[in-house]
PDB file of N, CA and C in Angstrom:
ATOM      1  N   ALA A   1     -57.665  13.040 129.125  1.00  0.00           N
ATOM      2  CA  ALA A   1     -57.699  13.081 128.025  1.00  0.00           C
ATOM      3  C   ALA A   1     -57.209  14.206 127.124  1.00  0.00           C
ATOM      4  N   LEU A   2     -57.348  15.685 128.074  1.00  0.00           N
ATOM      5  CA  LEU A   2     -56.628  16.630 127.829  1.00  0.00           C
ATOM      6  C   LEU A   2     -55.128  16.475 127.781  1.00  0.00           C
ATOM      7  N   LEU A   3     -54.889  16.168 129.253  1.00  0.00           N
ATOM      8  CA  LEU A   3     -53.150  15.743 129.265  1.00  0.00           C
ATOM      9  C   LEU A   3     -52.698  15.321 128.433  1.00  0.00           C
ATOM     10  N   ASP A   4     -53.160  13.871 127.957  1.00  0.00           N
ATOM     11  CA  ASP A   4     -52.985  13.114 127.223  1.00  0.00           C
ATOM     12  C   ASP A   4     -52.708  13.906 125.881  1.00  0.00           C
ATOM     13  N   ALA A   5     -53.836  14.407 124.718  1.00  0.00           N
ATOM     14  CA  ALA A   5     -53.382  15.408 124.064  1.00  0.00           C
ATOM     15  C   ALA A   5     -52.560  16.219 124.039  1.00  0.00           C
ATOM     16  N   ALA A   6     -51.740  17.464 124.723  1.00  0.00           N
ATOM     17  CA  ALA A   6     -51.267  17.654 125.617  1.00  0.00           C
ATOM     18  C   ALA A   6     -50.017  17.416 124.975  1.00  0.00           C
ATOM     19  N   LYS A   7     -49.715  15.788 125.596  1.00  0.00           N
ATOM     20  CA  LYS A   7     -48.085  15.210 125.559  1.00  0.00           C
ATOM     21  C   LYS A   7     -47.970  15.194 124.409  1.00  0.00           C
ATOM     22  N   LYS A   8     -49.111  14.395 123.763  1.00  0.00           N
ATOM     23  CA  LYS A   8     -48.722  14.006 122.032  1.00  0.00           C
ATOM     24  C   LYS A   8     -48.583  14.864 121.387  1.00  0.00           C
ATOM     25  N   ASP A   9     -48.916  15.902 121.603  1.00  0.00           N
ATOM     26  CA  ASP A   9     -48.479  17.145 120.542  1.00  0.00           C
ATOM     27  C   ASP A   9     -47.803  18.139 121.213  1.00  0.00           C
ATOM     28  N   SER A  10     -47.185  18.165 122.067  1.00  0.00           N
ATOM     29  CA  SER A  10     -46.398  18.995 122.797  1.00  0.00           C
ATOM     30  C   SER A  10     -47.016  20.293 123.106  1.00  0.00           C
ATOM     31  N   LEU A  11     -47.906  20.266 123.496  1.00  0.00           N
ATOM     32  CA  LEU A  11     -48.942  21.731 123.623  1.00  0.00           C
ATOM     33  C   LEU A  11     -48.484  22.238 124.917  1.00  0.00           C
ATOM     34  N   PRO A  12     -48.002  23.461 124.843  1.00  0.00           N
ATOM     35  CA  PRO A  12     -47.467  24.058 125.819  1.00  0.00           C
ATOM     36  C   PRO A  12     -48.636  24.599 126.403  1.00  0.00           C
ATOM     37  N   ILE A  13     -49.058  24.030 127.082  1.00  0.00           N
ATOM     38  CA  ILE A  13     -51.060  24.541 127.920  1.00  0.00           C
ATOM     39  C   ILE A  13     -50.765  24.324 129.457  1.00  0.00           C
ATOM     40  N   VAL A  14     -51.707  24.988 129.893  1.00  0.00           N
ATOM     41  CA  VAL A  14     -52.319  24.536 131.191  1.00  0.00           C
ATOM     42  C   VAL A  14     -53.749  24.383 131.162  1.00  0.00           C
ATOM     43  N   ILE A  15     -53.537  23.091 132.290  1.00  0.00           N
ATOM     44  CA  ILE A  15     -54.937  22.503 131.825  1.00  0.00           C
ATOM     45  C   ILE A  15     -56.016  22.734 133.328  1.00  0.00           C
ATOM     46  N   ASP A  16     -56.422  23.259 133.538  1.00  0.00           N
ATOM     47  CA  ASP A  16     -57.421  22.996 134.787  1.00  0.00           C
ATOM     48  C   ASP A  16     -58.800  22.617 134.884  1.00  0.00           C
ATOM     49  N   ILE A  17     -59.113  21.926 135.991  1.00  0.00           N
ATOM     50  CA  ILE A  17     -60.620  21.338 136.011  1.00  0.00           C
ATOM     51  C   ILE A  17     -60.963  22.240 137.826  1.00  0.00           C
ATOM     52  N   THR A  18     -61.839  22.504 137.606  1.00  0.00           N
ATOM     53  CA  THR A  18     -62.146  23.300 138.809  1.00  0.00           C
ATOM     54  C   THR A  18     -63.779  22.416 138.824  1.00  0.00           C
ATOM     55  N   ARG A  19     -64.015  22.561 140.244  1.00  0.00           N
ATOM     56  CA  ARG A  19     -65.487  22.197 140.774  1.00  0.00           C
ATOM     57  C   ARG A  19     -66.046  23.361 141.952  1.00  0.00           C
ATOM     58  N   SER A  20     -66.824  23.811 141.757  1.00  0.00           N
ATOM     59  CA  SER A  20     -67.199  24.877 142.431  1.00  0.00           C
ATOM     60  C   SER A  20     -66.101  25.637 143.379  1.00  0.00           C
ATOM     61  N   GLY A  21     -65.407  25.899 142.401  1.00  0.00           N
ATOM     62  CA  GLY A  21     -64.315  26.850 142.923  1.00  0.00           C
ATOM     63  C   GLY A  21     -62.827  25.973 143.990  1.00  0.00           C
ATOM     64  N   GLN A  22     -63.103  24.560 143.654  1.00  0.00           N
ATOM     65  CA  GLN A  22     -62.005  23.845 144.603  1.00  0.00           C
ATOM     66  C   GLN A  22     -61.427  23.276 142.803  1.00  0.00           C
ATOM     67  N   VAL A  23     -60.498  23.433 143.208  1.00  0.00           N
ATOM     68  CA  VAL A  23     -59.277  22.908 142.376  1.00  0.00           C
ATOM     69  C   VAL A  23     -59.345  21.218 142.004  1.00  0.00           C
ATOM     70  N   LEU A  24     -59.261  20.296 141.417  1.00  0.00           N
ATOM     71  CA  LEU A  24     -59.750  19.132 141.173  1.00  0.00           C
ATOM     72  C   LEU A  24     -58.375  17.998 140.182  1.00  0.00           C
ATOM     73  N   PHE A  25     -57.927  19.077 139.398  1.00  0.00           N
ATOM     74  CA  PHE A  25     -56.892  18.895 138.664  1.00  0.00           C
ATOM     75  C   PHE A  25     -56.211  20.334 137.910  1.00  0.00           C
ATOM     76  N   HIS A  26     -54.416  20.147 137.570  1.00  0.00           N
ATOM     77  CA  HIS A  26     -54.104  21.361 137.018  1.00  0.00           C
ATOM     78  C   HIS A  26     -52.918  20.720 136.866  1.00  0.00           C
ATOM     79  N   ALA A  27     -52.613  20.878 135.502  1.00  0.00           N
ATOM     80  CA  ALA A  27     -51.264  20.689 134.383  1.00  0.00           C
ATOM     81  C   ALA A  27     -50.495  21.906 134.209  1.00  0.00           C
ATOM     82  N   ALA A  28     -49.564  22.172 134.522  1.00  0.00           N
ATOM     83  CA  ALA A  28     -48.450  22.866 133.650  1.00  0.00           C
ATOM     84  C   ALA A  28     -47.452  22.469 132.897  1.00  0.00           C
ATOM     85  N   MET A  29     -47.864  22.649 131.615  1.00  0.00           N
ATOM     86  CA  MET A  29     -46.998  21.864 130.354  1.00  0.00           C
ATOM     87  C   MET A  29     -45.665  22.414 130.324  1.00  0.00           C
ATOM     88  N   PRO A  30     -44.620  21.890 129.944  1.00  0.00           N
ATOM     89  CA  PRO A  30     -43.258  22.800 129.324  1.00  0.00           C
ATOM     90  C   PRO A  30     -43.823  23.919 128.243  1.00  0.00           C
ATOM     91  N   GLY A  31     -43.215  25.125 128.550  1.00  0.00           N
ATOM     92  CA  GLY A  31     -43.434  26.451 128.106  1.00  0.00           C
ATOM     93  C   GLY A  31     -44.336  27.240 127.948  1.00  0.00           C
ATOM     94  N   THR A  32     -45.141  26.889 129.510  1.00  0.00           N
ATOM     95  CA  THR A  32     -45.958  27.707 130.055  1.00  0.00           C
ATOM     96  C   THR A  32     -45.380  29.082 131.088  1.00  0.00           C
ATOM     97  N   ALA A  33     -46.479  29.610 131.423  1.00  0.00           N
ATOM     98  CA  ALA A  33     -45.399  30.289 132.599  1.00  0.00           C
ATOM     99  C   ALA A  33     -47.110  31.046 133.288  1.00  0.00           C
ATOM    100  N   PRO A  34     -46.405  31.275 134.401  1.00  0.00           N
ATOM    101  CA  PRO A  34     -47.592  32.217 135.204  1.00  0.00           C
ATOM    102  C   PRO A  34     -49.246  32.912 134.740  1.00  0.00           C
ATOM    103  N   ASP A  35     -48.310  33.349 133.731  1.00  0.00           N
ATOM    104  CA  ASP A  35     -49.734  33.998 133.383  1.00  0.00           C
ATOM    105  C   ASP A  35     -50.728  33.730 132.755  1.00  0.00           C
ATOM    106  N   ASN A  36     -50.208  32.253 132.197  1.00  0.00           N
ATOM    107  CA  ASN A  36     -51.194  30.987 132.077  1.00  0.00           C
ATOM    108  C   ASN A  36     -52.276  31.088 132.884  1.00  0.00           C
ATOM    109  N   ASP A  37     -51.576  30.775 134.209  1.00  0.00           N
ATOM    110  CA  ASP A  37     -52.801  30.657 134.980  1.00  0.00           C
ATOM    111  C   ASP A  37     -53.836  31.497 135.705  1.00  0.00           C
ATOM    112  N   GLN A  38     -52.817  32.705 135.531  1.00  0.00           N
ATOM    113  CA  GLN A  38     -53.738  34.164 135.623  1.00  0.00           C
ATOM    114  C   GLN A  38     -54.874  33.947 134.361  1.00  0.00           C
ATOM    115  N   TRP A  39     -54.919  33.507 133.668  1.00  0.00           N
ATOM    116  CA  TRP A  39     -55.551  33.595 132.109  1.00  0.00           C
ATOM    117  C   TRP A  39     -56.746  32.246 132.831  1.00  0.00           C
ATOM    118  N   VAL A  40     -56.602  31.479 133.197  1.00  0.00           N
ATOM    119  CA  VAL A  40     -56.977  30.326 133.510  1.00  0.00           C
ATOM    120  C   VAL A  40     -58.378  30.870 134.729  1.00  0.00           C
ATOM    121  N   LEU A  41     -57.533  31.668 135.994  1.00  0.00           N
ATOM    122  CA  LEU A  41     -58.611  32.155 136.528  1.00  0.00           C
ATOM    123  C   LEU A  41     -59.614  33.036 136.191  1.00  0.00           C
ATOM    124  N   ARG A  42     -59.262  33.944 135.737  1.00  0.00           N
ATOM    125  CA  ARG A  42     -60.275  35.234 134.749  1.00  0.00           C
ATOM    126  C   ARG A  42     -60.931  34.429 133.814  1.00  0.00           C
ATOM    127  N   LYS A  43     -60.933  33.339 133.202  1.00  0.00           N
ATOM    128  CA  LYS A  43     -61.373  32.236 132.017  1.00  0.00           C
ATOM    129  C   LYS A  43     -62.560  31.686 133.026  1.00  0.00           C
ATOM    130  N   ASN A  44     -62.482  31.816 133.999  1.00  0.00           N
ATOM    131  CA  ASN A  44     -63.001  30.449 134.959  1.00  0.00           C
ATOM    132  C   ASN A  44     -64.059  31.637 135.567  1.00  0.00           C
ATOM    133  N   LYS A  45     -63.656  32.439 136.427  1.00  0.00           N
ATOM    134  CA  LYS A  45     -64.585  33.252 136.654  1.00  0.00           C
ATOM    135  C   LYS A  45     -65.721  33.895 135.449  1.00  0.00           C
ATOM    136  N   THR A  46     -65.048  34.180 134.157  1.00  0.00           N
ATOM    137  CA  THR A  46     -65.879  34.481 132.991  1.00  0.00           C
ATOM    138  C   THR A  46     -67.250  33.264 132.713  1.00  0.00           C
ATOM    139  N   VAL A  47     -66.746  32.106 132.796  1.00  0.00           N
ATOM    140  CA  VAL A  47     -67.666  30.776 132.673  1.00  0.00           C
ATOM    141  C   VAL A  47     -68.768  31.009 134.437  1.00  0.00           C
ATOM    142  N   GLY A  48     -67.787  31.268 135.318  1.00  0.00           N
ATOM    143  CA  GLY A  48     -68.729  31.128 136.728  1.00  0.00           C
ATOM    144  C   GLY A  48     -70.241  32.155 136.730  1.00  0.00           C
ATOM    145  N   ARG A  49     -69.740  33.165 136.191  1.00  0.00           N
ATOM    146  CA  ARG A  49     -70.765  34.899 136.128  1.00  0.00           C
ATOM    147  C   ARG A  49     -71.725  34.580 134.828  1.00  0.00           C
ATOM    148  N   PHE A  50     -70.847  34.111 133.686  1.00  0.00           N
ATOM    149  CA  PHE A  50     -72.443  33.648 132.509  1.00  0.00           C
ATOM    150  C   PHE A  50     -72.536  32.410 132.165  1.00  0.00           C
ATOM    151  N   GLN A  51     -72.051  31.641 132.769  1.00  0.00           N
ATOM    152  CA  GLN A  51     -72.457  29.958 132.611  1.00  0.00           C
ATOM    153  C   GLN A  51     -72.366  29.774 131.056  1.00  0.00           C
ATOM    154  N   HIS A  52     -71.656  30.300 130.625  1.00  0.00           N
ATOM    155  CA  HIS A  52     -71.043  29.752 129.013  1.00  0.00           C
ATOM    156  C   HIS A  52     -70.249  30.255 129.303  1.00  0.00           C
ATOM    157  N   SER A  53     -69.290  29.489 127.798  1.00  0.00           N
ATOM    158  CA  SER A  53     -68.128  29.187 127.472  1.00  0.00           C
ATOM    159  C   SER A  53     -67.311  30.546 127.172  1.00  0.00           C
ATOM    160  N   SER A  54     -66.094  31.103 127.967  1.00  0.00           N
ATOM    161  CA  SER A  54     -65.476  31.906 127.463  1.00  0.00           C
ATOM    162  C   SER A  54     -65.161  32.523 126.228  1.00  0.00           C
ATOM    163  N   PHE A  55     -65.179  31.659 125.122  1.00  0.00           N
ATOM    164  CA  PHE A  55     -65.127  32.117 123.878  1.00  0.00           C
ATOM    165  C   PHE A  55     -66.587  32.543 123.503  1.00  0.00           C
ATOM    166  N   MET A  56     -67.433  31.795 123.994  1.00  0.00           N
ATOM    167  CA  MET A  56     -68.899  32.596 123.388  1.00  0.00           C
ATOM    168  C   MET A  56     -69.347  33.932 123.756  1.00  0.00           C
ATOM    169  N   ILE A  57     -68.726  33.992 125.372  1.00  0.00           N
ATOM    170  CA  ILE A  57     -68.886  35.864 125.679  1.00  0.00           C
ATOM    171  C   ILE A  57     -68.137  37.046 124.683  1.00  0.00           C
ATOM    172  N   GLY A  58     -67.061  36.080 124.637  1.00  0.00           N
ATOM    173  CA  GLY A  58     -66.207  37.076 123.517  1.00  0.00           C
ATOM    174  C   GLY A  58     -67.045  37.133 122.202  1.00  0.00           C
ATOM    175  N   ARG A  59     -67.233  36.063 121.937  1.00  0.00           N
ATOM    176  CA  ARG A  59     -68.061  36.690 120.379  1.00  0.00           C
ATOM    177  C   ARG A  59     -69.167  37.246 120.457  1.00  0.00           C
ATOM    178  N   ILE A  60     -69.587  37.403 121.760  1.00  0.00           N
ATOM    179  CA  ILE A  60     -71.113  38.638 122.276  1.00  0.00           C
ATOM    180  C   ILE A  60     -70.356  39.585 122.225  1.00  0.00           C
ATOM    181  N   LEU A  61     -69.230  40.077 123.034  1.00  0.00           N
ATOM    182  CA  LEU A  61     -68.754  41.041 123.259  1.00  0.00           C
ATOM    183  C   LEU A  61     -68.450  41.931 121.649  1.00  0.00           C
ATOM    184  N   GLU A  62     -67.809  40.773 120.982  1.00  0.00           N
ATOM    185  CA  GLU A  62     -67.291  41.072 119.818  1.00  0.00           C
ATOM    186  C   GLU A  62     -68.120  41.702 118.688  1.00  0.00           C
ATOM    187  N   LYS A  63     -69.798  40.969 118.880  1.00  0.00           N
ATOM    188  CA  LYS A  63     -70.225  40.943 117.986  1.00  0.00           C
ATOM    189  C   LYS A  63     -70.608  42.334 118.249  1.00  0.00           C
ATOM    190  N   SER A  64     -71.346  42.653 119.749  1.00  0.00           N
ATOM    191  CA  SER A  64     -71.630  44.377 120.138  1.00  0.00           C
ATOM    192  C   SER A  64     -70.704  45.410 120.328  1.00  0.00           C
ATOM    193  N   ALA A  65     -69.375  45.109 119.403  1.00  0.00           N
ATOM    194  CA  ALA A  65     -68.508  45.983 119.371  1.00  0.00           C
ATOM    195  C   ALA A  65     -68.130  46.728 121.014  1.00  0.00           C
ATOM    196  N   ALA A  66     -68.114  45.840 121.867  1.00  0.00           N
ATOM    197  CA  ALA A  66     -68.254  46.401 123.398  1.00  0.00           C
ATOM    198  C   ALA A  66     -67.337  45.791 124.503  1.00  0.00           C
ATOM    199  N   THR A  67     -66.535  46.845 125.562  1.00  0.00           N
ATOM    200  CA  THR A  67     -66.006  45.914 126.093  1.00  0.00           C
ATOM    201  C   THR A  67     -66.691  45.326 127.006  1.00  0.00           C
ATOM    202  N   MET A  68     -65.846  44.348 128.442  1.00  0.00           N
ATOM    203  CA  MET A  68     -66.511  43.714 129.347  1.00  0.00           C
ATOM    204  C   MET A  68     -67.291  44.874 130.289  1.00  0.00           C
ATOM    205  N   GLU A  69     -66.574  45.746 130.102  1.00  0.00           N
ATOM    206  CA  GLU A  69     -66.720  47.225 131.440  1.00  0.00           C
ATOM    207  C   GLU A  69     -67.821  47.850 130.697  1.00  0.00           C
ATOM    208  N   GLU A  70     -67.657  47.842 129.583  1.00  0.00           N
ATOM    209  CA  GLU A  70     -68.929  48.765 128.427  1.00  0.00           C
ATOM    210  C   GLU A  70     -70.267  47.989 129.018  1.00  0.00           C
ATOM    211  N   LYS A  71     -70.257  46.643 128.386  1.00  0.00           N
ATOM    212  CA  LYS A  71     -71.559  45.811 128.355  1.00  0.00           C
ATOM    213  C   LYS A  71     -71.803  45.026 129.405  1.00  0.00           C
ATOM    214  N   TYR A  72     -70.711  44.775 130.557  1.00  0.00           N
ATOM    215  CA  TYR A  72     -71.405  44.180 131.534  1.00  0.00           C
ATOM    216  C   TYR A  72     -70.961  44.664 132.729  1.00  0.00           C
ATOM    217  N   LEU A  73     -70.075  45.976 133.428  1.00  0.00           N
ATOM    218  CA  LEU A  73     -69.031  46.867 133.917  1.00  0.00           C
ATOM    219  C   LEU A  73     -68.691  45.945 134.913  1.00  0.00           C
ATOM    220  N   ILE A  74     -68.121  44.654 134.423  1.00  0.00           N
ATOM    221  CA  ILE A  74     -67.110  44.252 135.059  1.00  0.00           C
ATOM    222  C   ILE A  74     -65.861  44.530 134.391  1.00  0.00           C
ATOM    223  N   SER A  75     -64.886  43.939 135.583  1.00  0.00           N
ATOM    224  CA  SER A  75     -62.896  44.401 135.340  1.00  0.00           C
ATOM    225  C   SER A  75     -62.564  43.373 134.010  1.00  0.00           C
ATOM    226  N   SER A  76     -61.889  43.800 133.053  1.00  0.00           N
ATOM    227  CA  SER A  76     -61.620  42.561 132.260  1.00  0.00           C
ATOM    228  C   SER A  76     -60.095  42.502 132.684  1.00  0.00           C
ATOM    229  N   LEU A  77     -59.851  43.036 133.869  1.00  0.00           N
ATOM    230  CA  LEU A  77     -58.473  42.584 135.179  1.00  0.00           C
ATOM    231  C   LEU A  77     -58.696  41.823 135.334  1.00  0.00           C
ATOM    232  N   GLU A  78     -60.008  41.091 135.580  1.00  0.00           N
ATOM    233  CA  GLU A  78     -60.305  39.791 136.906  1.00  0.00           C
ATOM    234  C   GLU A  78     -61.355  38.884 135.700  1.00  0.00           C
ATOM    235  N   PHE A  79     -61.761  39.604 134.806  1.00  0.00           N
ATOM    236  CA  PHE A  79     -62.896  38.110 133.895  1.00  0.00           C
ATOM    237  C   PHE A  79     -61.988  38.337 132.200  1.00  0.00           C
ATOM    238  N   ALA A  80     -62.269  37.057 132.402  1.00  0.00           N
ATOM    239  CA  ALA A  80     -61.363  37.163 130.656  1.00  0.00           C
ATOM    240  C   ALA A  80     -62.475  36.672 129.705  1.00  0.00           C
ATOM    241  N   ALA A  81     -62.597  37.163 128.410  1.00  0.00           N
ATOM    242  CA  ALA A  81     -63.738  36.591 127.634  1.00  0.00           C
ATOM    243  C   ALA A  81     -62.887  36.062 125.913  1.00  0.00           C
ATOM    244  N   HIS A  82     -61.654  35.364 126.696  1.00  0.00           N
ATOM    245  CA  HIS A  82     -61.271  34.665 125.637  1.00  0.00           C
ATOM    246  C   HIS A  82     -61.453  33.189 125.487  1.00  0.00           C
ATOM    247  N   GLY A  83     -61.127  32.348 124.705  1.00  0.00           N
ATOM    248  CA  GLY A  83     -61.373  31.051 124.339  1.00  0.00           C
ATOM    249  C   GLY A  83     -60.560  30.123 125.236  1.00  0.00           C
ATOM    250  N   GLY A  84     -61.354  28.931 125.576  1.00  0.00           N
ATOM    251  CA  GLY A  84     -60.787  28.159 125.934  1.00  0.00           C
ATOM    252  C   GLY A  84     -61.083  27.639 127.409  1.00  0.00           C
ATOM    253  N   ALA A  85     -62.172  28.218 128.635  1.00  0.00           N
ATOM    254  CA  ALA A  85     -62.429  27.444 129.572  1.00  0.00           C
ATOM    255  C   ALA A  85     -64.584  27.208 129.135  1.00  0.00           C
ATOM    256  N   PHE A  86     -64.773  26.080 129.904  1.00  0.00           N
ATOM    257  CA  PHE A  86     -65.987  25.582 129.581  1.00  0.00           C
ATOM    258  C   PHE A  86     -66.790  25.200 130.712  1.00  0.00           C
ATOM    259  N   PRO A  87     -68.263  25.518 130.866  1.00  0.00           N
ATOM    260  CA  PRO A  87     -69.195  25.312 131.933  1.00  0.00           C
ATOM    261  C   PRO A  87     -68.964  23.609 132.061  1.00  0.00           C
ATOM    262  N   ILE A  88     -68.944  22.772 132.977  1.00  0.00           N
ATOM    263  CA  ILE A  88     -69.175  21.412 133.394  1.00  0.00           C
ATOM    264  C   ILE A  88     -70.683  21.799 134.230  1.00  0.00           C
ATOM    265  N   ILE A  89     -71.460  21.393 132.822  1.00  0.00           N
ATOM    266  CA  ILE A  89     -73.217  20.882 133.368  1.00  0.00           C
ATOM    267  C   ILE A  89     -73.669  19.367 134.062  1.00  0.00           C
ATOM    268  N   ILE A  90     -74.427  20.142 135.041  1.00  0.00           N
ATOM    269  CA  ILE A  90     -74.695  18.766 135.926  1.00  0.00           C
ATOM    270  C   ILE A  90     -76.666  18.588 135.083  1.00  0.00           C
ATOM    271  N   ARG A  91     -77.038  17.952 134.591  1.00  0.00           N
ATOM    272  CA  ARG A  91     -78.637  18.227 134.308  1.00  0.00           C
ATOM    273  C   ARG A  91     -79.039  18.168 135.093  1.00  0.00           C
ATOM    274  N   ASN A  92     -80.618  19.194 135.577  1.00  0.00           N
ATOM    275  CA  ASN A  92     -80.963  18.877 136.323  1.00  0.00           C
ATOM    276  C   ASN A  92     -80.281  19.648 137.774  1.00  0.00           C
ATOM    277  N   THR A  93     -79.183  20.170 137.328  1.00  0.00           N
ATOM    278  CA  THR A  93     -78.055  20.890 138.449  1.00  0.00           C
ATOM    279  C   THR A  93     -77.745  22.408 138.059  1.00  0.00           C
ATOM    280  N   GLY A  94     -77.141  22.659 137.029  1.00  0.00           N
ATOM    281  CA  GLY A  94     -76.537  23.322 136.277  1.00  0.00           C
ATOM    282  C   GLY A  94     -74.935  23.384 136.130  1.00  0.00           C
ATOM    283  N   VAL A  95     -74.228  24.467 135.778  1.00  0.00           N
ATOM    284  CA  VAL A  95     -72.800  24.818 136.369  1.00  0.00           C
ATOM    285  C   VAL A  95     -72.461  24.604 137.240  1.00  0.00           C
ATOM    286  N   ILE A  96     -71.685  23.499 137.683  1.00  0.00           N
ATOM    287  CA  ILE A  96     -70.779  23.149 139.135  1.00  0.00           C
ATOM    288  C   ILE A  96     -69.290  23.270 138.751  1.00  0.00           C
ATOM    289  N   GLY A  97     -69.132  24.028 137.305  1.00  0.00           N
ATOM    290  CA  GLY A  97     -67.438  24.012 137.276  1.00  0.00           C
ATOM    291  C   GLY A  97     -67.285  24.125 136.241  1.00  0.00           C
ATOM    292  N   THR A  98     -65.383  24.312 135.999  1.00  0.00           N
ATOM    293  CA  THR A  98     -65.489  24.549 134.885  1.00  0.00           C
ATOM    294  C   THR A  98     -64.001  23.383 133.985  1.00  0.00           C
ATOM    295  N   ILE A  99     -64.117  23.256 132.948  1.00  0.00           N
ATOM    296  CA  ILE A  99     -62.587  22.439 132.226  1.00  0.00           C
ATOM    297  C   ILE A  99     -61.930  23.737 131.623  1.00  0.00           C
ATOM    298  N   THR A 100     -60.780  23.996 131.729  1.00  0.00           N
ATOM    299  CA  THR A 100     -60.299  25.351 130.898  1.00  0.00           C
ATOM    300  C   THR A 100     -58.578  24.567 130.508  1.00  0.00           C
ATOM    301  N   VAL A 101     -58.340  25.036 129.288  1.00  0.00           N
ATOM    302  CA  VAL A 101     -57.031  25.569 129.026  1.00  0.00           C
ATOM    303  C   VAL A 101     -56.567  26.672 128.705  1.00  0.00           C
ATOM    304  N   SER A 102     -55.333  27.037 128.912  1.00  0.00           N
ATOM    305  CA  SER A 102     -54.938  28.218 128.724  1.00  0.00           C
ATOM    306  C   SER A 102     -53.148  27.840 127.648  1.00  0.00           C
ATOM    307  N   GLY A 103     -52.852  28.817 126.695  1.00  0.00           N
ATOM    308  CA  GLY A 103     -51.334  28.630 126.492  1.00  0.00           C
ATOM    309  C   GLY A 103     -51.357  28.842 124.887  1.00  0.00           C
ATOM    310  N   LEU A 104     -52.405  28.444 124.290  1.00  0.00           N
ATOM    311  CA  LEU A 104     -52.684  28.953 122.830  1.00  0.00           C
ATOM    312  C   LEU A 104     -53.663  29.765 122.438  1.00  0.00           C
ATOM    313  N   ALA A 105     -53.484  30.034 121.031  1.00  0.00           N
ATOM    314  CA  ALA A 105     -54.692  31.244 120.717  1.00  0.00           C
ATOM    315  C   ALA A 105     -55.807  30.942 120.867  1.00  0.00           C
ATOM    316  N   GLN A 106     -56.297  31.982 121.418  1.00  0.00           N
ATOM    317  CA  GLN A 106     -57.754  31.735 121.998  1.00  0.00           C
ATOM    318  C   GLN A 106     -58.634  30.630 121.546  1.00  0.00           C
ATOM    319  N   GLU A 107     -59.117  30.928 120.047  1.00  0.00           N
ATOM    320  CA  GLU A 107     -59.422  29.175 119.120  1.00  0.00           C
ATOM    321  C   GLU A 107     -59.096  28.270 119.452  1.00  0.00           C
ATOM    322  N   ASP A 108     -57.868  28.277 119.435  1.00  0.00           N
ATOM    323  CA  ASP A 108     -57.283  26.842 119.415  1.00  0.00           C
ATOM    324  C   ASP A 108     -57.318  26.129 120.773  1.00  0.00           C
ATOM    325  N   ASP A 109     -57.136  26.822 122.044  1.00  0.00           N
ATOM    326  CA  ASP A 109     -57.645  26.415 123.440  1.00  0.00           C
ATOM    327  C   ASP A 109     -59.142  26.582 123.394  1.00  0.00           C
ATOM    328  N   HIS A 110     -60.235  26.925 122.743  1.00  0.00           N
ATOM    329  CA  HIS A 110     -61.232  26.336 122.572  1.00  0.00           C
ATOM    330  C   HIS A 110     -61.718  25.328 121.840  1.00  0.00           C
ATOM    331  N   ALA A 111     -61.179  25.454 120.264  1.00  0.00           N
ATOM    332  CA  ALA A 111     -61.019  23.954 119.750  1.00  0.00           C
ATOM    333  C   ALA A 111     -60.385  22.341 120.495  1.00  0.00           C
ATOM    334  N   LEU A 112     -59.473  22.471 120.963  1.00  0.00           N
ATOM    335  CA  LEU A 112     -58.875  21.729 121.859  1.00  0.00           C
ATOM    336  C   LEU A 112     -59.721  21.218 122.696  1.00  0.00           C
ATOM    337  N   VAL A 113     -60.372  22.178 123.935  1.00  0.00           N
ATOM    338  CA  VAL A 113     -61.251  21.496 124.569  1.00  0.00           C
ATOM    339  C   VAL A 113     -62.739  20.634 123.733  1.00  0.00           C
ATOM    340  N   VAL A 114     -62.900  21.886 123.087  1.00  0.00           N
ATOM    341  CA  VAL A 114     -64.251  20.797 122.136  1.00  0.00           C
ATOM    342  C   VAL A 114     -63.831  18.830 121.608  1.00  0.00           C
ATOM    343  N   ARG A 115     -62.799  19.141 121.131  1.00  0.00           N
ATOM    344  CA  ARG A 115     -62.294  18.572 120.159  1.00  0.00           C
ATOM    345  C   ARG A 115     -62.270  16.832 121.631  1.00  0.00           C
ATOM    346  N   VAL A 116     -61.527  17.161 122.343  1.00  0.00           N
ATOM    347  CA  VAL A 116     -61.055  15.993 123.269  1.00  0.00           C
ATOM    348  C   VAL A 116     -62.712  16.258 124.397  1.00  0.00           C
ATOM    349  N   LEU A 117     -63.268  17.049 124.468  1.00  0.00           N
ATOM    350  CA  LEU A 117     -64.509  16.796 125.135  1.00  0.00           C
ATOM    351  C   LEU A 117     -65.726  15.649 124.235  1.00  0.00           C
ATOM    352  N   ARG A 118     -65.452  15.992 122.915  1.00  0.00           N
ATOM    353  CA  ARG A 118     -66.434  15.284 122.271  1.00  0.00           C
ATOM    354  C   ARG A 118     -66.062  13.849 121.978  1.00  0.00           C
ATOM    355  N   GLU A 119     -64.408  13.657 122.353  1.00  0.00           N
ATOM    356  CA  GLU A 119     -63.931  12.283 122.029  1.00  0.00           C
ATOM    357  C   GLU A 119     -64.333  11.579 123.207  1.00  0.00           C
ATOM    358  N   TRP A 120     -64.577  11.952 124.133  1.00  0.00           N
ATOM    359  CA  TRP A 120     -64.296  11.480 125.566  1.00  0.00           C
ATOM    360  C   TRP A 120     -65.959  11.183 125.631  1.00  0.00           C
ATOM    361  N   LEU A 121     -66.885  12.184 125.211  1.00  0.00           N
ATOM    362  CA  LEU A 121     -68.086  11.908 125.614  1.00  0.00           C
ATOM    363  C   LEU A 121     -68.650  10.340 124.945  1.00  0.00           C
ATOM    364  N   LYS A 122     -67.929  10.178 123.356  1.00  0.00           N
ATOM    365  CA  LYS A 122     -68.360   9.659 122.851  1.00  0.00           C
ATOM    366  C   LYS A 122     -67.805   7.944 123.505  1.00  0.00           C
ATOM    367  N   LYS A 123     -67.366   7.715 124.177  1.00  0.00           N
ATOM    368  CA  LYS A 123     -66.361   6.653 124.693  1.00  0.00           C
ATOM    369  C   LYS A 123     -67.498   6.642 125.833  1.00  0.00           C
ATOM    370  N   ALA A 124     -68.159   7.354 126.895  1.00  0.00           N
ATOM    371  CA  ALA A 124     -68.937   7.594 127.670  1.00  0.00           C
ATOM    372  C   ALA A 124     -70.017   7.087 127.695  1.00  0.00           C
TER     373      ALA A 124
END
């Protein structure tokens, strides 16, 4: 569904779905670069560490006026508190992976994943 949305709107994004460290799906649309893949990895690490969306962690940091280094003692070179990565959560199991988009402004990466997930869940 994310790939269809990216194609429909010609979005320059990377889409990544990872389960327990194994990449299940990865697509790089025209207009993306290797940097987008690095953002995906850093956003995924953030979700794995905090079990919440990368955008939420960014908002927490913004509200506390602190960096990742200051608040959590982790490197922003390895983790990214920018929108676009969501935890895949299984009831009674917990977080098993991530759905991540990189390439747009962080708010737009976040909004795209939210919109597509909502549409997909309505059909499920």
